[in-house]
mmCIF file of all heavy atoms, coordinates in Angstrom:
data_MODEL
# 
_entry.id   MODEL 
# 
loop_
_atom_site.group_PDB 
_atom_site.id 
_atom_site.type_symbol 
_atom_site.label_atom_id 
_atom_site.label_alt_id 
_atom_site.label_comp_id 
_atom_site.label_asym_id 
_atom_site.label_entity_id 
_atom_site.label_seq_id 
_atom_site.pdbx_PDB_ins_code 
_atom_site.Cartn_x 
_atom_site.Cartn_y 
_atom_site.Cartn_z 
_atom_site.occupancy 
_atom_site.B_iso_or_equiv 
_atom_site.pdbx_formal_charge 
_atom_site.auth_seq_id 
_atom_site.auth_comp_id 
_atom_site.auth_asym_id 
_atom_site.auth_atom_id 
_atom_site.pdbx_PDB_model_num 
ATOM 1   N N   . TRP A 1 1  ? 51.352 114.483 109.844 1.00 0.00 ? 1  TRP A N   1 
ATOM 2   C CA  . TRP A 1 1  ? 52.028 114.343 111.139 1.00 0.00 ? 1  TRP A CA  1 
ATOM 3   C C   . TRP A 1 1  ? 53.191 113.361 111.069 1.00 0.00 ? 1  TRP A C   1 
ATOM 4   O O   . TRP A 1 1  ? 54.144 113.484 111.827 1.00 0.00 ? 1  TRP A O   1 
ATOM 5   C CB  . TRP A 1 1  ? 51.045 113.938 112.238 1.00 0.00 ? 1  TRP A CB  1 
ATOM 6   C CG  . TRP A 1 1  ? 50.146 112.806 111.873 1.00 0.00 ? 1  TRP A CG  1 
ATOM 7   C CD1 . TRP A 1 1  ? 50.409 111.484 111.919 1.00 0.00 ? 1  TRP A CD1 1 
ATOM 8   C CD2 . TRP A 1 1  ? 48.824 112.929 111.371 1.00 0.00 ? 1  TRP A CD2 1 
ATOM 9   N NE1 . TRP A 1 1  ? 49.350 110.766 111.482 1.00 0.00 ? 1  TRP A NE1 1 
ATOM 10  C CE2 . TRP A 1 1  ? 48.344 111.618 111.151 1.00 0.00 ? 1  TRP A CE2 1 
ATOM 11  C CE3 . TRP A 1 1  ? 47.984 114.011 111.100 1.00 0.00 ? 1  TRP A CE3 1 
ATOM 12  C CZ2 . TRP A 1 1  ? 47.071 111.366 110.659 1.00 0.00 ? 1  TRP A CZ2 1 
ATOM 13  C CZ3 . TRP A 1 1  ? 46.727 113.751 110.624 1.00 0.00 ? 1  TRP A CZ3 1 
ATOM 14  C CH2 . TRP A 1 1  ? 46.269 112.454 110.403 1.00 0.00 ? 1  TRP A CH2 1 
ATOM 15  N N   . SER A 1 2  ? 53.121 112.411 110.117 1.00 0.00 ? 2  SER A N   1 
ATOM 16  C CA  . SER A 1 2  ? 54.270 111.528 109.919 1.00 0.00 ? 2  SER A CA  1 
ATOM 17  C C   . SER A 1 2  ? 55.452 112.324 109.368 1.00 0.00 ? 2  SER A C   1 
ATOM 18  O O   . SER A 1 2  ? 56.603 112.121 109.773 1.00 0.00 ? 2  SER A O   1 
ATOM 19  C CB  . SER A 1 2  ? 53.915 110.403 108.949 1.00 0.00 ? 2  SER A CB  1 
ATOM 20  O OG  . SER A 1 2  ? 52.866 109.616 109.449 1.00 0.00 ? 2  SER A OG  1 
ATOM 21  N N   . ILE A 1 3  ? 55.144 113.236 108.466 1.00 0.00 ? 3  ILE A N   1 
ATOM 22  C CA  . ILE A 1 3  ? 56.193 114.097 107.920 1.00 0.00 ? 3  ILE A CA  1 
ATOM 23  C C   . ILE A 1 3  ? 56.742 114.996 109.020 1.00 0.00 ? 3  ILE A C   1 
ATOM 24  O O   . ILE A 1 3  ? 57.960 115.191 109.138 1.00 0.00 ? 3  ILE A O   1 
ATOM 25  C CB  . ILE A 1 3  ? 55.639 114.931 106.753 1.00 0.00 ? 3  ILE A CB  1 
ATOM 26  C CG1 . ILE A 1 3  ? 55.187 114.005 105.612 1.00 0.00 ? 3  ILE A CG1 1 
ATOM 27  C CG2 . ILE A 1 3  ? 56.677 115.929 106.253 1.00 0.00 ? 3  ILE A CG2 1 
ATOM 28  C CD1 . ILE A 1 3  ? 54.440 114.709 104.497 1.00 0.00 ? 3  ILE A CD1 1 
ATOM 29  N N   . GLU A 1 4  ? 55.845 115.538 109.845 1.00 0.00 ? 4  GLU A N   1 
ATOM 30  C CA  . GLU A 1 4  ? 56.275 116.400 110.950 1.00 0.00 ? 4  GLU A CA  1 
ATOM 31  C C   . GLU A 1 4  ? 57.202 115.645 111.906 1.00 0.00 ? 4  GLU A C   1 
ATOM 32  O O   . GLU A 1 4  ? 58.221 116.174 112.361 1.00 0.00 ? 4  GLU A O   1 
ATOM 33  C CB  . GLU A 1 4  ? 55.059 116.920 111.707 1.00 0.00 ? 4  GLU A CB  1 
ATOM 34  C CG  . GLU A 1 4  ? 55.406 117.862 112.848 1.00 0.00 ? 4  GLU A CG  1 
ATOM 35  C CD  . GLU A 1 4  ? 54.185 118.268 113.650 1.00 0.00 ? 4  GLU A CD  1 
ATOM 36  O OE1 . GLU A 1 4  ? 53.075 117.774 113.358 1.00 0.00 ? 4  GLU A OE1 1 
ATOM 37  O OE2 . GLU A 1 4  ? 54.340 119.077 114.585 1.00 0.00 ? 4  GLU A OE2 1 
ATOM 38  N N   . LYS A 1 5  ? 56.880 114.398 112.201 1.00 0.00 ? 5  LYS A N   1 
ATOM 39  C CA  . LYS A 1 5  ? 57.709 113.587 113.095 1.00 0.00 ? 5  LYS A CA  1 
ATOM 40  C C   . LYS A 1 5  ? 59.088 113.350 112.491 1.00 0.00 ? 5  LYS A C   1 
ATOM 41  O O   . LYS A 1 5  ? 60.117 113.492 113.170 1.00 0.00 ? 5  LYS A O   1 
ATOM 42  C CB  . LYS A 1 5  ? 57.007 112.250 113.358 1.00 0.00 ? 5  LYS A CB  1 
ATOM 43  C CG  . LYS A 1 5  ? 57.773 111.323 114.287 1.00 0.00 ? 5  LYS A CG  1 
ATOM 44  C CD  . LYS A 1 5  ? 56.995 110.024 114.494 1.00 0.00 ? 5  LYS A CD  1 
ATOM 45  C CE  . LYS A 1 5  ? 57.779 109.062 115.383 1.00 0.00 ? 5  LYS A CE  1 
ATOM 46  N NZ  . LYS A 1 5  ? 57.048 107.769 115.562 1.00 0.00 ? 5  LYS A NZ  1 
ATOM 47  N N   . SER A 1 6  ? 59.133 113.028 111.194 1.00 0.00 ? 6  SER A N   1 
ATOM 48  C CA  . SER A 1 6  ? 60.422 112.810 110.526 1.00 0.00 ? 6  SER A CA  1 
ATOM 49  C C   . SER A 1 6  ? 61.227 114.100 110.461 1.00 0.00 ? 6  SER A C   1 
ATOM 50  O O   . SER A 1 6  ? 62.450 114.111 110.604 1.00 0.00 ? 6  SER A O   1 
ATOM 51  C CB  . SER A 1 6  ? 60.197 112.259 109.118 1.00 0.00 ? 6  SER A CB  1 
ATOM 52  O OG  . SER A 1 6  ? 59.600 110.980 109.157 1.00 0.00 ? 6  SER A OG  1 
ATOM 53  N N   . MET A 1 7  ? 60.520 115.212 110.232 1.00 0.00 ? 7  MET A N   1 
ATOM 54  C CA  . MET A 1 7  ? 61.206 116.498 110.162 1.00 0.00 ? 7  MET A CA  1 
ATOM 55  C C   . MET A 1 7  ? 61.869 116.825 111.488 1.00 0.00 ? 7  MET A C   1 
ATOM 56  O O   . MET A 1 7  ? 62.997 117.347 111.530 1.00 0.00 ? 7  MET A O   1 
ATOM 57  C CB  . MET A 1 7  ? 60.204 117.594 109.785 1.00 0.00 ? 7  MET A CB  1 
ATOM 58  C CG  . MET A 1 7  ? 60.817 118.813 109.158 1.00 0.00 ? 7  MET A CG  1 
ATOM 59  S SD  . MET A 1 7  ? 61.461 118.509 107.484 1.00 0.00 ? 7  MET A SD  1 
ATOM 60  C CE  . MET A 1 7  ? 59.951 118.373 106.544 1.00 0.00 ? 7  MET A CE  1 
ATOM 61  N N   . LYS A 1 8  ? 61.204 116.515 112.578 1.00 0.00 ? 8  LYS A N   1 
ATOM 62  C CA  . LYS A 1 8  ? 61.769 116.764 113.906 1.00 0.00 ? 8  LYS A CA  1 
ATOM 63  C C   . LYS A 1 8  ? 63.054 115.968 114.100 1.00 0.00 ? 8  LYS A C   1 
ATOM 64  O O   . LYS A 1 8  ? 64.065 116.483 114.597 1.00 0.00 ? 8  LYS A O   1 
ATOM 65  C CB  . LYS A 1 8  ? 60.750 116.387 114.979 1.00 0.00 ? 8  LYS A CB  1 
ATOM 66  C CG  . LYS A 1 8  ? 61.254 116.576 116.407 1.00 0.00 ? 8  LYS A CG  1 
ATOM 67  C CD  . LYS A 1 8  ? 60.192 116.158 117.415 1.00 0.00 ? 8  LYS A CD  1 
ATOM 68  C CE  . LYS A 1 8  ? 60.730 116.310 118.846 1.00 0.00 ? 8  LYS A CE  1 
ATOM 69  N NZ  . LYS A 1 8  ? 59.735 115.864 119.854 1.00 0.00 ? 8  LYS A NZ  1 
ATOM 70  N N   . ILE A 1 9  ? 63.034 114.709 113.677 1.00 0.00 ? 9  ILE A N   1 
ATOM 71  C CA  . ILE A 1 9  ? 64.226 113.860 113.812 1.00 0.00 ? 9  ILE A CA  1 
ATOM 72  C C   . ILE A 1 9  ? 65.386 114.431 113.005 1.00 0.00 ? 9  ILE A C   1 
ATOM 73  O O   . ILE A 1 9  ? 66.524 114.521 113.479 1.00 0.00 ? 9  ILE A O   1 
ATOM 74  C CB  . ILE A 1 9  ? 63.901 112.418 113.353 1.00 0.00 ? 9  ILE A CB  1 
ATOM 75  C CG1 . ILE A 1 9  ? 62.884 111.775 114.300 1.00 0.00 ? 9  ILE A CG1 1 
ATOM 76  C CG2 . ILE A 1 9  ? 65.170 111.580 113.264 1.00 0.00 ? 9  ILE A CG2 1 
ATOM 77  C CD1 . ILE A 1 9  ? 62.324 110.462 113.797 1.00 0.00 ? 9  ILE A CD1 1 
ATOM 78  N N   . VAL A 1 10 ? 65.102 114.845 111.764 1.00 0.00 ? 10 VAL A N   1 
ATOM 79  C CA  . VAL A 1 10 ? 66.154 115.358 110.886 1.00 0.00 ? 10 VAL A CA  1 
ATOM 80  C C   . VAL A 1 10 ? 66.682 116.694 111.400 1.00 0.00 ? 10 VAL A C   1 
ATOM 81  O O   . VAL A 1 10 ? 67.896 116.945 111.382 1.00 0.00 ? 10 VAL A O   1 
ATOM 82  C CB  . VAL A 1 10 ? 65.625 115.484 109.441 1.00 0.00 ? 10 VAL A CB  1 
ATOM 83  C CG1 . VAL A 1 10 ? 66.618 116.241 108.567 1.00 0.00 ? 10 VAL A CG1 1 
ATOM 84  C CG2 . VAL A 1 10 ? 65.362 114.102 108.857 1.00 0.00 ? 10 VAL A CG2 1 
ATOM 85  N N   . LEU A 1 11 ? 65.788 117.556 111.876 1.00 0.00 ? 11 LEU A N   1 
ATOM 86  C CA  . LEU A 1 11 ? 66.233 118.852 112.406 1.00 0.00 ? 11 LEU A CA  1 
ATOM 87  C C   . LEU A 1 11 ? 67.152 118.672 113.612 1.00 0.00 ? 11 LEU A C   1 
ATOM 88  O O   . LEU A 1 11 ? 68.164 119.366 113.756 1.00 0.00 ? 11 LEU A O   1 
ATOM 89  C CB  . LEU A 1 11 ? 65.023 119.703 112.788 1.00 0.00 ? 11 LEU A CB  1 
ATOM 90  C CG  . LEU A 1 11 ? 64.273 120.363 111.631 1.00 0.00 ? 11 LEU A CG  1 
ATOM 91  C CD1 . LEU A 1 11 ? 62.937 120.925 112.109 1.00 0.00 ? 11 LEU A CD1 1 
ATOM 92  C CD2 . LEU A 1 11 ? 65.112 121.471 110.994 1.00 0.00 ? 11 LEU A CD2 1 
ATOM 93  N N   . GLU A 1 12 ? 66.795 117.751 114.485 1.00 0.00 ? 12 GLU A N   1 
ATOM 94  C CA  . GLU A 1 12 ? 67.651 117.498 115.647 1.00 0.00 ? 12 GLU A CA  1 
ATOM 95  C C   . GLU A 1 12 ? 68.972 116.858 115.226 1.00 0.00 ? 12 GLU A C   1 
ATOM 96  O O   . GLU A 1 12 ? 70.009 117.055 115.860 1.00 0.00 ? 12 GLU A O   1 
ATOM 97  C CB  . GLU A 1 12 ? 66.905 116.620 116.650 1.00 0.00 ? 12 GLU A CB  1 
ATOM 98  C CG  . GLU A 1 12 ? 65.738 117.354 117.309 1.00 0.00 ? 12 GLU A CG  1 
ATOM 99  C CD  . GLU A 1 12 ? 64.904 116.463 118.212 1.00 0.00 ? 12 GLU A CD  1 
ATOM 100 O OE1 . GLU A 1 12 ? 65.141 115.224 118.200 1.00 0.00 ? 12 GLU A OE1 1 
ATOM 101 O OE2 . GLU A 1 12 ? 64.013 116.985 118.906 1.00 0.00 ? 12 GLU A OE2 1 
ATOM 102 N N   . HIS A 1 13 ? 68.933 116.132 114.130 1.00 0.00 ? 13 HIS A N   1 
ATOM 103 C CA  . HIS A 1 13 ? 70.145 115.487 113.619 1.00 0.00 ? 13 HIS A CA  1 
ATOM 104 C C   . HIS A 1 13 ? 71.126 116.523 113.065 1.00 0.00 ? 13 HIS A C   1 
ATOM 105 O O   . HIS A 1 13 ? 72.323 116.462 113.329 1.00 0.00 ? 13 HIS A O   1 
ATOM 106 C CB  . HIS A 1 13 ? 69.756 114.491 112.531 1.00 0.00 ? 13 HIS A CB  1 
ATOM 107 C CG  . HIS A 1 13 ? 70.922 113.772 111.912 1.00 0.00 ? 13 HIS A CG  1 
ATOM 108 N ND1 . HIS A 1 13 ? 71.622 112.778 112.562 1.00 0.00 ? 13 HIS A ND1 1 
ATOM 109 C CD2 . HIS A 1 13 ? 71.519 113.920 110.690 1.00 0.00 ? 13 HIS A CD2 1 
ATOM 110 C CE1 . HIS A 1 13 ? 72.589 112.338 111.775 1.00 0.00 ? 13 HIS A CE1 1 
ATOM 111 N NE2 . HIS A 1 13 ? 72.555 113.010 110.633 1.00 0.00 ? 13 HIS A NE2 1 
ATOM 112 N N   . VAL A 1 14 ? 70.622 117.507 112.308 1.00 0.00 ? 14 VAL A N   1 
ATOM 113 C CA  . VAL A 1 14 ? 71.523 118.490 111.700 1.00 0.00 ? 14 VAL A CA  1 
ATOM 114 C C   . VAL A 1 14 ? 71.829 119.652 112.639 1.00 0.00 ? 14 VAL A C   1 
ATOM 115 O O   . VAL A 1 14 ? 72.868 120.311 112.520 1.00 0.00 ? 14 VAL A O   1 
ATOM 116 C CB  . VAL A 1 14 ? 70.953 119.045 110.375 1.00 0.00 ? 14 VAL A CB  1 
ATOM 117 C CG1 . VAL A 1 14 ? 70.728 117.932 109.380 1.00 0.00 ? 14 VAL A CG1 1 
ATOM 118 C CG2 . VAL A 1 14 ? 69.662 119.820 110.594 1.00 0.00 ? 14 VAL A CG2 1 
ATOM 119 N N   . GLY A 1 15 ? 70.894 119.948 113.582 1.00 0.00 ? 15 GLY A N   1 
ATOM 120 C CA  . GLY A 1 15 ? 71.119 121.063 114.481 1.00 0.00 ? 15 GLY A CA  1 
ATOM 121 C C   . GLY A 1 15 ? 71.005 122.403 113.756 1.00 0.00 ? 15 GLY A C   1 
ATOM 122 O O   . GLY A 1 15 ? 70.559 122.490 112.607 1.00 0.00 ? 15 GLY A O   1 
ATOM 123 N N   . LEU A 1 16 ? 71.448 123.465 114.432 1.00 0.00 ? 16 LEU A N   1 
ATOM 124 C CA  . LEU A 1 16 ? 71.373 124.809 113.853 1.00 0.00 ? 16 LEU A CA  1 
ATOM 125 C C   . LEU A 1 16 ? 72.656 125.203 113.140 1.00 0.00 ? 16 LEU A C   1 
ATOM 126 O O   . LEU A 1 16 ? 72.778 126.327 112.668 1.00 0.00 ? 16 LEU A O   1 
ATOM 127 C CB  . LEU A 1 16 ? 71.071 125.834 114.955 1.00 0.00 ? 16 LEU A CB  1 
ATOM 128 C CG  . LEU A 1 16 ? 69.704 125.714 115.635 1.00 0.00 ? 16 LEU A CG  1 
ATOM 129 C CD1 . LEU A 1 16 ? 69.580 126.747 116.746 1.00 0.00 ? 16 LEU A CD1 1 
ATOM 130 C CD2 . LEU A 1 16 ? 68.572 125.887 114.625 1.00 0.00 ? 16 LEU A CD2 1 
ATOM 131 N N   . GLY A 1 17 ? 73.610 124.299 113.077 1.00 0.00 ? 17 GLY A N   1 
ATOM 132 C CA  . GLY A 1 17 ? 74.918 124.646 112.522 1.00 0.00 ? 17 GLY A CA  1 
ATOM 133 C C   . GLY A 1 17 ? 75.026 124.504 111.025 1.00 0.00 ? 17 GLY A C   1 
ATOM 134 O O   . GLY A 1 17 ? 76.128 124.306 110.500 1.00 0.00 ? 17 GLY A O   1 
ATOM 135 N N   . VAL A 1 18 ? 73.910 124.585 110.294 1.00 0.00 ? 18 VAL A N   1 
ATOM 136 C CA  . VAL A 1 18 ? 73.959 124.506 108.835 1.00 0.00 ? 18 VAL A CA  1 
ATOM 137 C C   . VAL A 1 18 ? 74.576 125.799 108.301 1.00 0.00 ? 18 VAL A C   1 
ATOM 138 O O   . VAL A 1 18 ? 74.135 126.898 108.631 1.00 0.00 ? 18 VAL A O   1 
ATOM 139 C CB  . VAL A 1 18 ? 72.551 124.314 108.249 1.00 0.00 ? 18 VAL A CB  1 
ATOM 140 C CG1 . VAL A 1 18 ? 72.611 124.279 106.736 1.00 0.00 ? 18 VAL A CG1 1 
ATOM 141 C CG2 . VAL A 1 18 ? 71.927 123.038 108.786 1.00 0.00 ? 18 VAL A CG2 1 
ATOM 142 N N   . VAL A 1 19 ? 75.604 125.648 107.487 1.00 0.00 ? 19 VAL A N   1 
ATOM 143 C CA  . VAL A 1 19 ? 76.280 126.829 106.939 1.00 0.00 ? 19 VAL A CA  1 
ATOM 144 C C   . VAL A 1 19 ? 75.337 127.569 105.999 1.00 0.00 ? 19 VAL A C   1 
ATOM 145 O O   . VAL A 1 19 ? 74.624 126.964 105.207 1.00 0.00 ? 19 VAL A O   1 
ATOM 146 C CB  . VAL A 1 19 ? 77.563 126.405 106.199 1.00 0.00 ? 19 VAL A CB  1 
ATOM 147 C CG1 . VAL A 1 19 ? 78.180 127.600 105.478 1.00 0.00 ? 19 VAL A CG1 1 
ATOM 148 C CG2 . VAL A 1 19 ? 78.562 125.812 107.180 1.00 0.00 ? 19 VAL A CG2 1 
ATOM 149 N N   . ASP A 1 20 ? 75.338 128.905 106.097 1.00 0.00 ? 20 ASP A N   1 
ATOM 150 C CA  . ASP A 1 20 ? 74.443 129.718 105.279 1.00 0.00 ? 20 ASP A CA  1 
ATOM 151 C C   . ASP A 1 20 ? 75.150 130.149 104.006 1.00 0.00 ? 20 ASP A C   1 
ATOM 152 O O   . ASP A 1 20 ? 76.184 130.814 104.054 1.00 0.00 ? 20 ASP A O   1 
ATOM 153 C CB  . ASP A 1 20 ? 74.004 130.952 106.069 1.00 0.00 ? 20 ASP A CB  1 
ATOM 154 C CG  . ASP A 1 20 ? 72.772 131.618 105.464 1.00 0.00 ? 20 ASP A CG  1 
ATOM 155 O OD1 . ASP A 1 20 ? 72.596 131.497 104.230 1.00 0.00 ? 20 ASP A OD1 1 
ATOM 156 O OD2 . ASP A 1 20 ? 72.004 132.227 106.203 1.00 0.00 ? 20 ASP A OD2 1 
ATOM 157 N N   . PRO A 1 21 ? 74.605 129.789 102.829 1.00 0.00 ? 21 PRO A N   1 
ATOM 158 C CA  . PRO A 1 21 ? 75.236 130.204 101.569 1.00 0.00 ? 21 PRO A CA  1 
ATOM 159 C C   . PRO A 1 21 ? 75.047 131.686 101.258 1.00 0.00 ? 21 PRO A C   1 
ATOM 160 O O   . PRO A 1 21 ? 75.735 132.225 100.397 1.00 0.00 ? 21 PRO A O   1 
ATOM 161 C CB  . PRO A 1 21 ? 74.536 129.339 100.527 1.00 0.00 ? 21 PRO A CB  1 
ATOM 162 C CG  . PRO A 1 21 ? 73.214 129.021 101.126 1.00 0.00 ? 21 PRO A CG  1 
ATOM 163 C CD  . PRO A 1 21 ? 73.442 128.926 102.607 1.00 0.00 ? 21 PRO A CD  1 
ATOM 164 N N   . VAL A 1 22 ? 74.093 132.337 101.913 1.00 0.00 ? 22 VAL A N   1 
ATOM 165 C CA  . VAL A 1 22 ? 73.899 133.776 101.708 1.00 0.00 ? 22 VAL A CA  1 
ATOM 166 C C   . VAL A 1 22 ? 74.890 134.514 102.599 1.00 0.00 ? 22 VAL A C   1 
ATOM 167 O O   . VAL A 1 22 ? 74.842 134.378 103.824 1.00 0.00 ? 22 VAL A O   1 
ATOM 168 C CB  . VAL A 1 22 ? 72.459 134.202 102.048 1.00 0.00 ? 22 VAL A CB  1 
ATOM 169 C CG1 . VAL A 1 22 ? 72.277 135.697 101.799 1.00 0.00 ? 22 VAL A CG1 1 
ATOM 170 C CG2 . VAL A 1 22 ? 71.450 133.399 101.233 1.00 0.00 ? 22 VAL A CG2 1 
ATOM 171 N N   . PRO A 1 23 ? 75.808 135.287 102.032 1.00 0.00 ? 23 PRO A N   1 
ATOM 172 C CA  . PRO A 1 23 ? 76.818 135.981 102.839 1.00 0.00 ? 23 PRO A CA  1 
ATOM 173 C C   . PRO A 1 23 ? 76.191 136.871 103.905 1.00 0.00 ? 23 PRO A C   1 
ATOM 174 O O   . PRO A 1 23 ? 75.086 137.405 103.721 1.00 0.00 ? 23 PRO A O   1 
ATOM 175 C CB  . PRO A 1 23 ? 77.594 136.808 101.807 1.00 0.00 ? 23 PRO A CB  1 
ATOM 176 C CG  . PRO A 1 23 ? 77.373 136.107 100.513 1.00 0.00 ? 23 PRO A CG  1 
ATOM 177 C CD  . PRO A 1 23 ? 75.986 135.538 100.594 1.00 0.00 ? 23 PRO A CD  1 
ATOM 178 N N   . ALA A 1 24 ? 76.906 137.046 105.008 1.00 0.00 ? 24 ALA A N   1 
ATOM 179 C CA  . ALA A 1 24 ? 76.378 137.815 106.141 1.00 0.00 ? 24 ALA A CA  1 
ATOM 180 C C   . ALA A 1 24 ? 75.985 139.229 105.739 1.00 0.00 ? 24 ALA A C   1 
ATOM 181 O O   . ALA A 1 24 ? 74.964 139.754 106.198 1.00 0.00 ? 24 ALA A O   1 
ATOM 182 C CB  . ALA A 1 24 ? 77.417 137.838 107.258 1.00 0.00 ? 24 ALA A CB  1 
ATOM 183 N N   . ALA A 1 25 ? 76.784 139.854 104.856 1.00 0.00 ? 25 ALA A N   1 
ATOM 184 C CA  . ALA A 1 25 ? 76.484 141.234 104.455 1.00 0.00 ? 25 ALA A CA  1 
ATOM 185 C C   . ALA A 1 25 ? 75.151 141.311 103.717 1.00 0.00 ? 25 ALA A C   1 
ATOM 186 O O   . ALA A 1 25 ? 74.357 142.236 103.939 1.00 0.00 ? 25 ALA A O   1 
ATOM 187 C CB  . ALA A 1 25 ? 77.610 141.775 103.574 1.00 0.00 ? 25 ALA A CB  1 
ATOM 188 N N   . VAL A 1 26 ? 74.899 140.337 102.840 1.00 0.00 ? 26 VAL A N   1 
ATOM 189 C CA  . VAL A 1 26 ? 73.625 140.298 102.118 1.00 0.00 ? 26 VAL A CA  1 
ATOM 190 C C   . VAL A 1 26 ? 72.491 139.993 103.087 1.00 0.00 ? 26 VAL A C   1 
ATOM 191 O O   . VAL A 1 26 ? 71.421 140.611 103.045 1.00 0.00 ? 26 VAL A O   1 
ATOM 192 C CB  . VAL A 1 26 ? 73.669 139.248 100.986 1.00 0.00 ? 26 VAL A CB  1 
ATOM 193 C CG1 . VAL A 1 26 ? 72.311 139.140 100.288 1.00 0.00 ? 26 VAL A CG1 1 
ATOM 194 C CG2 . VAL A 1 26 ? 74.757 139.585 99.981  1.00 0.00 ? 26 VAL A CG2 1 
ATOM 195 N N   . ARG A 1 27 ? 72.742 139.056 103.991 1.00 0.00 ? 27 ARG A N   1 
ATOM 196 C CA  . ARG A 1 27 ? 71.725 138.667 104.967 1.00 0.00 ? 27 ARG A CA  1 
ATOM 197 C C   . ARG A 1 27 ? 71.337 139.848 105.858 1.00 0.00 ? 27 ARG A C   1 
ATOM 198 O O   . ARG A 1 27 ? 70.161 140.084 106.134 1.00 0.00 ? 27 ARG A O   1 
ATOM 199 C CB  . ARG A 1 27 ? 72.260 137.508 105.802 1.00 0.00 ? 27 ARG A CB  1 
ATOM 200 C CG  . ARG A 1 27 ? 71.196 136.737 106.546 1.00 0.00 ? 27 ARG A CG  1 
ATOM 201 C CD  . ARG A 1 27 ? 71.723 135.407 107.038 1.00 0.00 ? 27 ARG A CD  1 
ATOM 202 N NE  . ARG A 1 27 ? 72.821 135.530 107.966 1.00 0.00 ? 27 ARG A NE  1 
ATOM 203 C CZ  . ARG A 1 27 ? 74.038 135.021 107.779 1.00 0.00 ? 27 ARG A CZ  1 
ATOM 204 N NH1 . ARG A 1 27 ? 74.301 134.364 106.661 1.00 0.00 ? 27 ARG A NH1 1 
ATOM 205 N NH2 . ARG A 1 27 ? 74.986 135.152 108.689 1.00 0.00 ? 27 ARG A NH2 1 
ATOM 206 N N   . ASP A 1 28 ? 72.337 140.601 106.290 1.00 0.00 ? 28 ASP A N   1 
ATOM 207 C CA  . ASP A 1 28 ? 72.062 141.756 107.150 1.00 0.00 ? 28 ASP A CA  1 
ATOM 208 C C   . ASP A 1 28 ? 71.296 142.834 106.392 1.00 0.00 ? 28 ASP A C   1 
ATOM 209 O O   . ASP A 1 28 ? 70.369 143.448 106.930 1.00 0.00 ? 28 ASP A O   1 
ATOM 210 C CB  . ASP A 1 28 ? 73.376 142.328 107.692 1.00 0.00 ? 28 ASP A CB  1 
ATOM 211 C CG  . ASP A 1 28 ? 74.056 141.387 108.680 1.00 0.00 ? 28 ASP A CG  1 
ATOM 212 O OD1 . ASP A 1 28 ? 73.381 140.448 109.153 1.00 0.00 ? 28 ASP A OD1 1 
ATOM 213 O OD2 . ASP A 1 28 ? 75.257 141.581 108.967 1.00 0.00 ? 28 ASP A OD2 1 
# 
């Protein structure tokens, strides 16, 4: 749960805007 708490902080810090290295065509 300590890891879970830290993970929550880091996820909120980076947000959903992490660039995806897998190209959209491959992802689709």
